[in-house]
Amino acid sequence: MKTRVIITIVFVSLGLIMAAVPQNKTNPKQLSAKQLLAEAHSQNQYFTPDQVADLVIKKDPSFQLIDVRSLDAYEKFHLPGAVNIPLTDILDEQWTPMLNQSLKMNIFYSNGTVDADKAWMITRQLGYKNNYVMQGGMNYWAETIMNPKAPASTSPNEEFAKYDFRKGAGQALGGGVKSVMPENNVEAPKPVIPKAPRKKRVQGGC
């Protein structure tokens, strides 16, 4: 049921985003409405919280988390290593080298999935690759990774294995949600933007 609701919201948002993003007829990589709709429907853009947790714990250098919430929300709590690019700033050219590159997988996240989906749609319509979405956002992350529920005794072995992983991941990342929230305003490390000088100082994740 949740998946159907998410898909419906995505498709409703699609039309609004298509109208908002300026058309660039000189860019042959820019997707048509039909192509973008097909990609959105495939749902291949999603990483599950389990997959993201595994990448974070392994400190995999091939990905970058991008928090598309407001700066205020980001400073109150964000995932380890995340860079803050508010959705309202997603078209700012200072972020183009980070969003339009082939060195790392960018994984957008927001509280739910809607704003992250919008960020993905905008960048994908512009022809940018290597941008993805964490399915369910922070809410689903808190539910599945930081506070996993033990499966019923009659559950299949796969469910117990998944629970063991989530419990271990939650402990490795600090336990419950409150325990990983920053206690002080610590400046986060600045992300490396590939092959282009930055116009402004970049605020990044911790």
N, C-alpha and C. Protein backbone atom coordinates (compact mmCIF):
# COMPACT_ATOMS: atom_id res chain seq x y z
N MET A 1 0.83 -1.20 0.00
CA MET A 1 0.00 0.00 0.00
C MET A 1 0.87 1.26 0.00
N LYS A 2 1.93 1.25 0.83
CA LYS A 2 2.84 2.41 0.88
C LYS A 2 3.48 2.64 -0.47
N THR A 3 3.86 1.54 -1.14
CA THR A 3 4.51 1.66 -2.44
C THR A 3 3.59 2.31 -3.45
N ARG A 4 2.31 1.94 -3.44
CA ARG A 4 1.35 2.53 -4.38
C ARG A 4 1.18 4.01 -4.14
N VAL A 5 1.13 4.38 -2.87
CA VAL A 5 0.99 5.81 -2.53
C VAL A 5 2.20 6.59 -3.01
N ILE A 6 3.40 6.03 -2.79
CA ILE A 6 4.63 6.69 -3.21
C ILE A 6 4.65 6.87 -4.72
N ILE A 7 4.28 5.81 -5.46
CA ILE A 7 4.29 5.88 -6.92
C ILE A 7 3.31 6.94 -7.41
N THR A 8 2.12 6.98 -6.77
CA THR A 8 1.12 7.97 -7.16
C THR A 8 1.64 9.39 -6.96
N ILE A 9 2.27 9.62 -5.81
CA ILE A 9 2.83 10.94 -5.51
C ILE A 9 3.92 11.30 -6.51
N VAL A 10 4.74 10.31 -6.85
CA VAL A 10 5.83 10.53 -7.80
C VAL A 10 5.28 10.98 -9.14
N PHE A 11 4.24 10.29 -9.63
CA PHE A 11 3.70 10.63 -10.94
C PHE A 11 2.98 11.97 -10.94
N VAL A 12 2.34 12.31 -9.82
CA VAL A 12 1.69 13.61 -9.73
C VAL A 12 2.74 14.72 -9.73
N SER A 13 3.83 14.46 -9.02
CA SER A 13 4.91 15.45 -8.95
C SER A 13 5.62 15.60 -10.28
N LEU A 14 5.63 14.54 -11.07
CA LEU A 14 6.36 14.54 -12.32
C LEU A 14 5.95 15.68 -13.24
N GLY A 15 4.63 15.86 -13.39
CA GLY A 15 4.15 16.92 -14.27
C GLY A 15 4.58 18.30 -13.81
N LEU A 16 4.52 18.53 -12.51
CA LEU A 16 4.91 19.83 -11.97
C LEU A 16 6.40 20.09 -12.18
N ILE A 17 7.20 19.05 -12.00
CA ILE A 17 8.64 19.20 -12.15
C ILE A 17 9.01 19.42 -13.61
N MET A 18 8.34 18.72 -14.50
CA MET A 18 8.61 18.88 -15.93
C MET A 18 8.39 20.32 -16.35
N ALA A 19 7.37 20.94 -15.76
CA ALA A 19 7.06 22.33 -16.12
C ALA A 19 8.06 23.30 -15.49
N ALA A 20 8.62 22.91 -14.34
CA ALA A 20 9.51 23.82 -13.60
C ALA A 20 10.93 23.84 -14.15
N VAL A 21 11.39 22.71 -14.69
CA VAL A 21 12.76 22.64 -15.17
C VAL A 21 12.87 23.27 -16.55
N PRO A 22 13.76 24.23 -16.73
CA PRO A 22 13.89 24.88 -18.03
C PRO A 22 14.34 23.91 -19.11
N GLN A 23 13.74 24.02 -20.28
CA GLN A 23 14.11 23.16 -21.39
C GLN A 23 15.43 23.63 -22.01
N ASN A 24 16.30 22.69 -22.25
CA ASN A 24 17.58 23.00 -22.87
C ASN A 24 17.71 22.18 -24.14
N LYS A 25 17.31 22.75 -25.23
CA LYS A 25 17.28 22.02 -26.48
C LYS A 25 18.67 21.77 -27.06
N THR A 26 19.68 22.38 -26.48
CA THR A 26 21.05 22.16 -26.95
C THR A 26 21.69 20.97 -26.25
N ASN A 27 21.00 20.40 -25.27
CA ASN A 27 21.54 19.27 -24.51
C ASN A 27 20.89 17.97 -24.99
N PRO A 28 21.58 17.19 -25.80
CA PRO A 28 20.99 15.96 -26.33
C PRO A 28 20.77 14.90 -25.27
N LYS A 29 21.39 15.05 -24.10
CA LYS A 29 21.24 14.05 -23.04
C LYS A 29 19.98 14.27 -22.22
N GLN A 30 19.33 15.41 -22.38
CA GLN A 30 18.15 15.71 -21.59
C GLN A 30 17.02 14.74 -21.95
N LEU A 31 16.35 14.20 -20.96
CA LEU A 31 15.30 13.21 -21.19
C LEU A 31 13.99 13.86 -21.60
N SER A 32 13.25 13.15 -22.42
CA SER A 32 11.89 13.59 -22.77
C SER A 32 10.96 13.19 -21.64
N ALA A 33 9.75 13.73 -21.68
CA ALA A 33 8.76 13.38 -20.65
C ALA A 33 8.48 11.89 -20.66
N LYS A 34 8.42 11.30 -21.84
CA LYS A 34 8.13 9.86 -21.96
C LYS A 34 9.25 9.03 -21.36
N GLN A 35 10.50 9.42 -21.63
CA GLN A 35 11.65 8.69 -21.09
C GLN A 35 11.70 8.80 -19.57
N LEU A 36 11.47 10.00 -19.05
CA LEU A 36 11.51 10.19 -17.60
C LEU A 36 10.41 9.42 -16.91
N LEU A 37 9.23 9.39 -17.51
CA LEU A 37 8.11 8.65 -16.95
C LEU A 37 8.43 7.16 -16.88
N ALA A 38 9.06 6.65 -17.94
CA ALA A 38 9.42 5.23 -17.98
C ALA A 38 10.44 4.90 -16.90
N GLU A 39 11.43 5.78 -16.71
CA GLU A 39 12.44 5.53 -15.68
C GLU A 39 11.84 5.61 -14.28
N ALA A 40 10.96 6.59 -14.06
CA ALA A 40 10.32 6.72 -12.75
C ALA A 40 9.48 5.49 -12.45
N HIS A 41 8.80 4.98 -13.46
CA HIS A 41 7.94 3.80 -13.27
C HIS A 41 8.75 2.54 -12.97
N SER A 42 9.96 2.45 -13.49
CA SER A 42 10.80 1.26 -13.28
C SER A 42 11.26 1.13 -11.84
N GLN A 43 11.35 2.25 -11.12
CA GLN A 43 11.80 2.30 -9.73
C GLN A 43 13.25 1.83 -9.55
N ASN A 44 14.01 1.84 -10.63
CA ASN A 44 15.42 1.45 -10.53
C ASN A 44 16.27 2.50 -9.84
N GLN A 45 15.67 3.65 -9.56
CA GLN A 45 16.42 4.75 -8.92
C GLN A 45 16.52 4.58 -7.40
N TYR A 46 15.87 3.57 -6.85
CA TYR A 46 15.80 3.46 -5.39
C TYR A 46 16.89 2.56 -4.79
N PHE A 47 17.45 3.04 -3.68
CA PHE A 47 18.28 2.23 -2.78
C PHE A 47 17.45 2.03 -1.52
N THR A 48 17.44 0.83 -0.98
CA THR A 48 16.73 0.59 0.27
C THR A 48 17.57 1.11 1.44
N PRO A 49 16.96 1.39 2.59
CA PRO A 49 17.74 1.78 3.76
C PRO A 49 18.79 0.73 4.13
N ASP A 50 18.49 -0.55 3.92
CA ASP A 50 19.47 -1.60 4.21
C ASP A 50 20.71 -1.44 3.33
N GLN A 51 20.49 -1.16 2.05
CA GLN A 51 21.62 -0.97 1.14
C GLN A 51 22.45 0.25 1.52
N VAL A 52 21.75 1.33 1.88
CA VAL A 52 22.44 2.55 2.29
C VAL A 52 23.22 2.32 3.57
N ALA A 53 22.61 1.63 4.54
CA ALA A 53 23.29 1.34 5.80
C ALA A 53 24.56 0.53 5.56
N ASP A 54 24.48 -0.43 4.65
CA ASP A 54 25.65 -1.25 4.33
C ASP A 54 26.77 -0.40 3.74
N LEU A 55 26.41 0.54 2.85
CA LEU A 55 27.41 1.44 2.24
C LEU A 55 28.06 2.34 3.30
N VAL A 56 27.21 2.86 4.21
CA VAL A 56 27.71 3.76 5.25
C VAL A 56 28.67 3.03 6.19
N ILE A 57 28.27 1.85 6.63
CA ILE A 57 29.09 1.09 7.57
C ILE A 57 30.43 0.70 6.94
N LYS A 58 30.39 0.32 5.67
CA LYS A 58 31.63 -0.07 4.98
C LYS A 58 32.47 1.13 4.55
N LYS A 59 31.91 2.33 4.73
CA LYS A 59 32.58 3.57 4.28
C LYS A 59 32.96 3.46 2.82
N ASP A 60 32.02 2.97 2.05
CA ASP A 60 32.22 2.77 0.61
C ASP A 60 32.48 4.12 -0.06
N PRO A 61 33.59 4.26 -0.76
CA PRO A 61 33.93 5.55 -1.38
C PRO A 61 33.18 5.82 -2.68
N SER A 62 32.35 4.88 -3.12
CA SER A 62 31.70 5.03 -4.41
C SER A 62 30.36 5.75 -4.34
N PHE A 63 29.96 6.23 -3.15
CA PHE A 63 28.66 6.89 -3.05
C PHE A 63 28.76 8.15 -2.21
N GLN A 64 27.77 9.03 -2.36
CA GLN A 64 27.65 10.25 -1.58
C GLN A 64 26.18 10.46 -1.22
N LEU A 65 25.88 10.58 0.07
CA LEU A 65 24.52 10.89 0.50
C LEU A 65 24.28 12.38 0.34
N ILE A 66 23.12 12.73 -0.18
CA ILE A 66 22.75 14.14 -0.34
C ILE A 66 21.40 14.38 0.33
N ASP A 67 21.43 15.20 1.37
CA ASP A 67 20.24 15.55 2.14
C ASP A 67 19.58 16.76 1.47
N VAL A 68 18.37 16.57 0.93
CA VAL A 68 17.71 17.66 0.19
C VAL A 68 16.72 18.43 1.07
N ARG A 69 16.77 18.22 2.37
CA ARG A 69 15.91 18.98 3.28
C ARG A 69 16.52 20.36 3.51
N SER A 70 15.82 21.16 4.28
CA SER A 70 16.32 22.51 4.59
C SER A 70 17.59 22.43 5.43
N LEU A 71 18.35 23.52 5.44
CA LEU A 71 19.57 23.57 6.24
C LEU A 71 19.25 23.37 7.72
N ASP A 72 18.15 23.94 8.18
CA ASP A 72 17.76 23.82 9.58
C ASP A 72 17.52 22.36 9.95
N ALA A 73 16.78 21.64 9.11
CA ALA A 73 16.51 20.22 9.37
C ALA A 73 17.80 19.41 9.31
N TYR A 74 18.65 19.74 8.36
CA TYR A 74 19.93 19.05 8.21
C TYR A 74 20.81 19.21 9.44
N GLU A 75 20.86 20.44 9.97
CA GLU A 75 21.72 20.70 11.13
C GLU A 75 21.20 20.02 12.39
N LYS A 76 19.89 19.79 12.47
CA LYS A 76 19.33 19.11 13.63
C LYS A 76 19.67 17.62 13.62
N PHE A 77 19.64 17.03 12.44
CA PHE A 77 19.97 15.61 12.32
C PHE A 77 20.14 15.24 10.86
N HIS A 78 21.20 14.52 10.55
CA HIS A 78 21.39 14.02 9.19
C HIS A 78 22.16 12.71 9.24
N LEU A 79 22.13 11.98 8.16
CA LEU A 79 22.83 10.71 8.09
C LEU A 79 24.33 10.93 8.00
N PRO A 80 25.12 9.98 8.48
CA PRO A 80 26.58 10.13 8.49
C PRO A 80 27.15 10.44 7.10
N GLY A 81 27.95 11.50 7.03
CA GLY A 81 28.63 11.84 5.78
C GLY A 81 27.79 12.57 4.76
N ALA A 82 26.53 12.87 5.09
CA ALA A 82 25.65 13.49 4.11
C ALA A 82 26.01 14.95 3.83
N VAL A 83 25.82 15.37 2.58
CA VAL A 83 26.00 16.75 2.15
C VAL A 83 24.62 17.38 2.03
N ASN A 84 24.49 18.62 2.43
CA ASN A 84 23.19 19.30 2.35
C ASN A 84 23.07 20.12 1.07
N ILE A 85 22.13 19.73 0.20
CA ILE A 85 21.75 20.52 -0.96
C ILE A 85 20.23 20.64 -0.92
N PRO A 86 19.70 21.69 -0.31
CA PRO A 86 18.24 21.84 -0.22
C PRO A 86 17.59 21.75 -1.60
N LEU A 87 16.42 21.16 -1.65
CA LEU A 87 15.72 21.00 -2.92
C LEU A 87 15.56 22.33 -3.64
N THR A 88 15.35 23.39 -2.88
CA THR A 88 15.17 24.71 -3.49
C THR A 88 16.44 25.20 -4.20
N ASP A 89 17.60 24.61 -3.89
CA ASP A 89 18.87 25.02 -4.49
C ASP A 89 19.40 24.02 -5.51
N ILE A 90 18.59 23.01 -5.84
CA ILE A 90 19.09 21.90 -6.65
C ILE A 90 19.55 22.34 -8.04
N LEU A 91 18.99 23.46 -8.55
CA LEU A 91 19.37 23.95 -9.87
C LEU A 91 20.50 24.98 -9.83
N ASP A 92 20.99 25.28 -8.63
CA ASP A 92 22.09 26.23 -8.51
C ASP A 92 23.32 25.63 -9.19
N GLU A 93 23.94 26.40 -10.08
CA GLU A 93 25.04 25.86 -10.88
C GLU A 93 26.25 25.45 -10.05
N GLN A 94 26.35 25.93 -8.82
CA GLN A 94 27.50 25.50 -8.00
C GLN A 94 27.46 24.00 -7.72
N TRP A 95 26.26 23.40 -7.80
CA TRP A 95 26.14 21.97 -7.52
C TRP A 95 26.24 21.10 -8.77
N THR A 96 26.25 21.71 -9.94
CA THR A 96 26.25 20.93 -11.18
C THR A 96 27.42 19.94 -11.26
N PRO A 97 28.65 20.33 -10.92
CA PRO A 97 29.75 19.35 -11.00
C PRO A 97 29.55 18.14 -10.10
N MET A 98 28.86 18.31 -8.99
CA MET A 98 28.62 17.18 -8.10
C MET A 98 27.48 16.31 -8.61
N LEU A 99 26.44 16.94 -9.13
CA LEU A 99 25.26 16.20 -9.56
C LEU A 99 25.40 15.60 -10.95
N ASN A 100 26.26 16.19 -11.78
CA ASN A 100 26.44 15.72 -13.15
C ASN A 100 27.86 15.19 -13.31
N GLN A 101 28.08 13.98 -12.80
CA GLN A 101 29.41 13.36 -12.86
C GLN A 101 29.26 11.84 -12.83
N SER A 102 30.33 11.16 -13.08
CA SER A 102 30.28 9.70 -13.17
C SER A 102 31.20 9.00 -12.17
N LEU A 103 31.72 9.76 -11.21
CA LEU A 103 32.66 9.18 -10.25
C LEU A 103 31.97 8.52 -9.06
N LYS A 104 30.86 9.10 -8.61
CA LYS A 104 30.17 8.58 -7.44
C LYS A 104 28.67 8.47 -7.68
N MET A 105 28.05 7.56 -6.92
CA MET A 105 26.59 7.48 -6.91
C MET A 105 26.08 8.46 -5.86
N ASN A 106 25.28 9.42 -6.28
CA ASN A 106 24.64 10.31 -5.32
C ASN A 106 23.31 9.70 -4.90
N ILE A 107 23.06 9.65 -3.60
CA ILE A 107 21.80 9.11 -3.10
C ILE A 107 21.06 10.21 -2.35
N PHE A 108 19.99 10.71 -2.94
CA PHE A 108 19.19 11.75 -2.32
C PHE A 108 18.32 11.15 -1.21
N TYR A 109 18.10 11.94 -0.15
CA TYR A 109 17.11 11.52 0.85
C TYR A 109 16.46 12.76 1.45
N SER A 110 15.24 12.56 1.93
CA SER A 110 14.49 13.60 2.63
C SER A 110 13.77 12.91 3.78
N ASN A 111 12.82 13.59 4.43
CA ASN A 111 12.13 12.94 5.54
C ASN A 111 11.35 11.72 5.07
N GLY A 112 10.62 11.89 3.98
CA GLY A 112 9.95 10.78 3.34
C GLY A 112 10.68 10.47 2.04
N THR A 113 9.90 10.34 0.95
CA THR A 113 10.53 10.10 -0.34
C THR A 113 10.22 11.20 -1.34
N VAL A 114 9.18 11.99 -1.10
CA VAL A 114 8.68 12.94 -2.09
C VAL A 114 9.74 13.94 -2.56
N ASP A 115 10.38 14.66 -1.63
CA ASP A 115 11.34 15.68 -2.04
C ASP A 115 12.58 15.06 -2.69
N ALA A 116 13.00 13.91 -2.21
CA ALA A 116 14.14 13.22 -2.82
C ALA A 116 13.78 12.77 -4.24
N ASP A 117 12.54 12.33 -4.43
CA ASP A 117 12.08 11.96 -5.76
C ASP A 117 12.10 13.17 -6.70
N LYS A 118 11.70 14.32 -6.17
CA LYS A 118 11.72 15.53 -6.99
C LYS A 118 13.14 15.88 -7.42
N ALA A 119 14.08 15.76 -6.49
CA ALA A 119 15.48 16.04 -6.81
C ALA A 119 15.97 15.09 -7.88
N TRP A 120 15.61 13.82 -7.76
CA TRP A 120 16.02 12.83 -8.76
C TRP A 120 15.40 13.16 -10.12
N MET A 121 14.12 13.49 -10.15
CA MET A 121 13.44 13.79 -11.41
C MET A 121 14.05 15.00 -12.11
N ILE A 122 14.34 16.03 -11.32
CA ILE A 122 14.93 17.24 -11.90
C ILE A 122 16.29 16.94 -12.52
N THR A 123 17.15 16.26 -11.76
CA THR A 123 18.49 15.98 -12.27
C THR A 123 18.45 14.97 -13.41
N ARG A 124 17.51 14.04 -13.34
CA ARG A 124 17.43 13.03 -14.41
C ARG A 124 16.90 13.66 -15.70
N GLN A 125 15.94 14.57 -15.58
CA GLN A 125 15.42 15.21 -16.78
C GLN A 125 16.52 16.03 -17.48
N LEU A 126 17.40 16.58 -16.68
CA LEU A 126 18.52 17.34 -17.24
C LEU A 126 19.57 16.44 -17.88
N GLY A 127 19.38 15.13 -17.73
CA GLY A 127 20.31 14.19 -18.34
C GLY A 127 21.42 13.73 -17.42
N TYR A 128 21.38 14.15 -16.16
CA TYR A 128 22.41 13.74 -15.21
C TYR A 128 22.21 12.27 -14.82
N LYS A 129 23.31 11.56 -14.72
CA LYS A 129 23.25 10.16 -14.31
C LYS A 129 23.86 10.02 -12.92
N ASN A 130 23.83 8.80 -12.39
CA ASN A 130 24.44 8.48 -11.09
C ASN A 130 23.74 9.16 -9.92
N ASN A 131 22.48 9.53 -10.07
CA ASN A 131 21.70 10.07 -8.96
C ASN A 131 20.57 9.10 -8.63
N TYR A 132 20.39 8.85 -7.32
CA TYR A 132 19.44 7.85 -6.87
C TYR A 132 18.66 8.40 -5.66
N VAL A 133 17.80 7.57 -5.09
CA VAL A 133 16.94 7.99 -3.98
C VAL A 133 16.94 6.90 -2.90
N MET A 134 17.03 7.30 -1.63
CA MET A 134 16.87 6.33 -0.55
C MET A 134 15.37 6.15 -0.31
N GLN A 135 14.91 4.97 -0.54
CA GLN A 135 13.48 4.67 -0.45
C GLN A 135 12.95 4.87 0.97
N GLY A 136 11.87 5.63 1.10
CA GLY A 136 11.26 5.85 2.39
C GLY A 136 11.86 6.98 3.20
N GLY A 137 13.05 7.43 2.83
CA GLY A 137 13.67 8.56 3.50
C GLY A 137 14.02 8.31 4.96
N MET A 138 14.15 9.43 5.69
CA MET A 138 14.55 9.36 7.10
C MET A 138 13.54 8.60 7.95
N ASN A 139 12.26 8.75 7.63
CA ASN A 139 11.24 8.08 8.42
C ASN A 139 11.40 6.55 8.36
N TYR A 140 11.62 6.04 7.16
CA TYR A 140 11.78 4.59 6.99
C TYR A 140 13.12 4.13 7.55
N TRP A 141 14.15 5.00 7.43
CA TRP A 141 15.46 4.69 8.00
C TRP A 141 15.34 4.49 9.51
N ALA A 142 14.64 5.41 10.19
CA ALA A 142 14.47 5.31 11.64
C ALA A 142 13.72 4.04 12.02
N GLU A 143 12.73 3.70 11.21
CA GLU A 143 11.89 2.53 11.50
C GLU A 143 12.63 1.22 11.27
N THR A 144 13.40 1.15 10.20
CA THR A 144 14.01 -0.13 9.82
C THR A 144 15.44 -0.33 10.33
N ILE A 145 16.24 0.72 10.33
CA ILE A 145 17.65 0.58 10.69
C ILE A 145 17.92 0.92 12.16
N MET A 146 17.40 2.07 12.61
CA MET A 146 17.71 2.51 13.96
C MET A 146 16.83 1.86 15.02
N ASN A 147 15.62 1.46 14.64
CA ASN A 147 14.70 0.84 15.61
C ASN A 147 13.99 -0.36 14.98
N PRO A 148 14.74 -1.38 14.55
CA PRO A 148 14.10 -2.52 13.88
C PRO A 148 13.26 -3.35 14.84
N LYS A 149 12.19 -3.90 14.31
CA LYS A 149 11.32 -4.77 15.12
C LYS A 149 11.69 -6.22 14.87
N ALA A 150 11.76 -6.99 15.94
CA ALA A 150 12.10 -8.41 15.83
C ALA A 150 10.99 -9.14 15.08
N PRO A 151 11.34 -10.04 14.18
CA PRO A 151 10.31 -10.79 13.44
C PRO A 151 9.60 -11.78 14.35
N ALA A 152 8.44 -12.22 13.91
CA ALA A 152 7.69 -13.22 14.66
C ALA A 152 8.44 -14.54 14.63
N SER A 153 8.19 -15.38 15.63
CA SER A 153 8.92 -16.65 15.73
C SER A 153 8.67 -17.56 14.53
N THR A 154 7.55 -17.32 13.84
CA THR A 154 7.22 -18.16 12.68
C THR A 154 7.75 -17.58 11.36
N SER A 155 8.47 -16.48 11.44
CA SER A 155 8.98 -15.83 10.23
C SER A 155 10.06 -16.69 9.57
N PRO A 156 10.24 -16.56 8.26
CA PRO A 156 11.29 -17.32 7.57
C PRO A 156 12.68 -16.85 7.98
N ASN A 157 13.67 -17.66 7.71
CA ASN A 157 15.05 -17.36 8.10
C ASN A 157 15.54 -16.03 7.52
N GLU A 158 15.05 -15.71 6.32
CA GLU A 158 15.48 -14.46 5.69
C GLU A 158 15.12 -13.24 6.54
N GLU A 159 13.97 -13.29 7.19
CA GLU A 159 13.54 -12.17 8.03
C GLU A 159 14.43 -12.03 9.27
N PHE A 160 14.87 -13.17 9.83
CA PHE A 160 15.77 -13.12 10.98
C PHE A 160 17.13 -12.59 10.57
N ALA A 161 17.59 -12.99 9.38
CA ALA A 161 18.87 -12.50 8.89
C ALA A 161 18.81 -10.99 8.66
N LYS A 162 17.69 -10.53 8.11
CA LYS A 162 17.51 -9.09 7.87
C LYS A 162 17.48 -8.34 9.19
N TYR A 163 16.78 -8.90 10.18
CA TYR A 163 16.71 -8.25 11.49
C TYR A 163 18.08 -8.18 12.15
N ASP A 164 18.86 -9.27 12.06
CA ASP A 164 20.20 -9.29 12.65
C ASP A 164 21.08 -8.21 12.02
N PHE A 165 20.96 -8.06 10.68
CA PHE A 165 21.75 -7.04 10.01
C PHE A 165 21.33 -5.65 10.47
N ARG A 166 20.03 -5.40 10.52
CA ARG A 166 19.54 -4.08 10.91
C ARG A 166 19.91 -3.75 12.35
N LYS A 167 19.82 -4.74 13.22
CA LYS A 167 20.17 -4.51 14.61
C LYS A 167 21.66 -4.17 14.73
N GLY A 168 22.49 -4.91 14.01
CA GLY A 168 23.92 -4.64 14.02
C GLY A 168 24.25 -3.29 13.40
N ALA A 169 23.55 -2.96 12.31
CA ALA A 169 23.78 -1.67 11.65
C ALA A 169 23.38 -0.52 12.56
N GLY A 170 22.25 -0.67 13.24
CA GLY A 170 21.80 0.37 14.16
C GLY A 170 22.79 0.61 15.28
N GLN A 171 23.34 -0.49 15.81
CA GLN A 171 24.34 -0.37 16.88
C GLN A 171 25.62 0.28 16.36
N ALA A 172 26.02 -0.09 15.14
CA ALA A 172 27.24 0.47 14.56
C ALA A 172 27.09 1.96 14.29
N LEU A 173 25.86 2.37 14.02
CA LEU A 173 25.60 3.78 13.71
C LEU A 173 25.14 4.58 14.92
N GLY A 174 25.21 3.97 16.10
CA GLY A 174 24.95 4.73 17.31
C GLY A 174 23.69 4.41 18.06
N GLY A 175 22.96 3.37 17.63
CA GLY A 175 21.74 3.02 18.35
C GLY A 175 20.53 3.74 17.84
N GLY A 176 19.65 4.18 18.75
CA GLY A 176 18.41 4.85 18.36
C GLY A 176 18.66 6.19 17.71
N VAL A 177 17.63 6.75 17.13
CA VAL A 177 17.74 8.00 16.39
C VAL A 177 18.31 9.12 17.25
N LYS A 178 17.85 9.25 18.50
CA LYS A 178 18.29 10.35 19.35
C LYS A 178 19.79 10.31 19.60
N SER A 179 20.35 9.11 19.69
CA SER A 179 21.76 8.99 20.04
C SER A 179 22.69 9.42 18.92
N VAL A 180 22.19 9.49 17.68
CA VAL A 180 23.06 9.90 16.58
C VAL A 180 22.83 11.35 16.18
N MET A 181 21.93 12.03 16.86
CA MET A 181 21.72 13.44 16.56
C MET A 181 22.87 14.26 17.11
N PRO A 182 23.40 15.21 16.33
CA PRO A 182 24.54 15.99 16.79
C PRO A 182 24.20 16.83 18.01
N GLU A 183 25.08 16.82 19.00
CA GLU A 183 24.85 17.59 20.22
C GLU A 183 25.37 19.01 20.08
N ASN A 184 26.34 19.22 19.21
CA ASN A 184 26.92 20.54 19.00
C ASN A 184 26.89 20.90 17.53
N ASN A 185 27.01 22.15 17.23
CA ASN A 185 27.06 22.60 15.84
C ASN A 185 28.48 22.44 15.31
N VAL A 186 28.81 21.22 14.92
CA VAL A 186 30.14 20.91 14.42
C VAL A 186 30.14 21.08 12.91
N GLU A 187 31.11 21.82 12.40
CA GLU A 187 31.18 22.02 10.96
C GLU A 187 31.50 20.71 10.27
N ALA A 188 30.72 20.38 9.24
CA ALA A 188 30.88 19.12 8.55
C ALA A 188 31.99 19.22 7.51
N PRO A 189 32.59 18.07 7.14
CA PRO A 189 33.62 18.10 6.10
C PRO A 189 33.03 18.54 4.77
N LYS A 190 33.82 19.16 3.96
CA LYS A 190 33.34 19.70 2.69
C LYS A 190 33.48 18.63 1.60
N PRO A 191 32.46 18.41 0.80
CA PRO A 191 32.52 17.39 -0.24
C PRO A 191 33.46 17.80 -1.37
N VAL A 192 34.02 16.79 -2.02
CA VAL A 192 34.88 17.06 -3.17
C VAL A 192 34.03 17.09 -4.41
N ILE A 193 34.01 18.22 -5.10
CA ILE A 193 33.24 18.35 -6.33
C ILE A 193 34.16 18.08 -7.50
N PRO A 194 33.84 17.08 -8.33
CA PRO A 194 34.75 16.67 -9.39
C PRO A 194 34.97 17.72 -10.47
N LYS A 195 36.25 17.95 -10.82
CA LYS A 195 36.67 18.65 -12.03
C LYS A 195 36.12 20.05 -12.23
N ALA A 196 35.72 20.73 -11.22
CA ALA A 196 35.22 22.09 -11.41
C ALA A 196 35.44 22.89 -10.15
N PRO A 197 35.91 24.13 -10.27
CA PRO A 197 36.10 24.97 -9.08
C PRO A 197 34.77 25.38 -8.51
N ARG A 198 34.70 25.44 -7.20
CA ARG A 198 33.47 25.86 -6.55
C ARG A 198 33.41 27.37 -6.47
N LYS A 199 32.21 27.90 -6.65
CA LYS A 199 32.05 29.34 -6.59
C LYS A 199 31.87 29.82 -5.14
N LYS A 200 31.33 28.93 -4.32
CA LYS A 200 31.10 29.27 -2.92
C LYS A 200 31.59 28.15 -2.05
N ARG A 201 31.79 28.45 -0.80
CA ARG A 201 32.22 27.43 0.14
C ARG A 201 31.09 26.44 0.33
N VAL A 202 31.37 25.17 0.22
CA VAL A 202 30.36 24.13 0.28
C VAL A 202 30.16 23.67 1.70
N GLN A 203 28.91 23.57 2.10
CA GLN A 203 28.61 23.02 3.43
C GLN A 203 28.34 21.55 3.25
N GLY A 204 29.01 20.71 4.02
CA GLY A 204 28.87 19.27 3.83
C GLY A 204 28.58 18.51 5.09
N GLY A 205 28.52 17.20 4.97
CA GLY A 205 28.10 16.36 6.09
C GLY A 205 29.23 15.97 7.00
N CYS A 206 28.82 15.33 8.10
CA CYS A 206 29.81 14.96 9.08
C CYS A 206 30.21 13.51 8.97
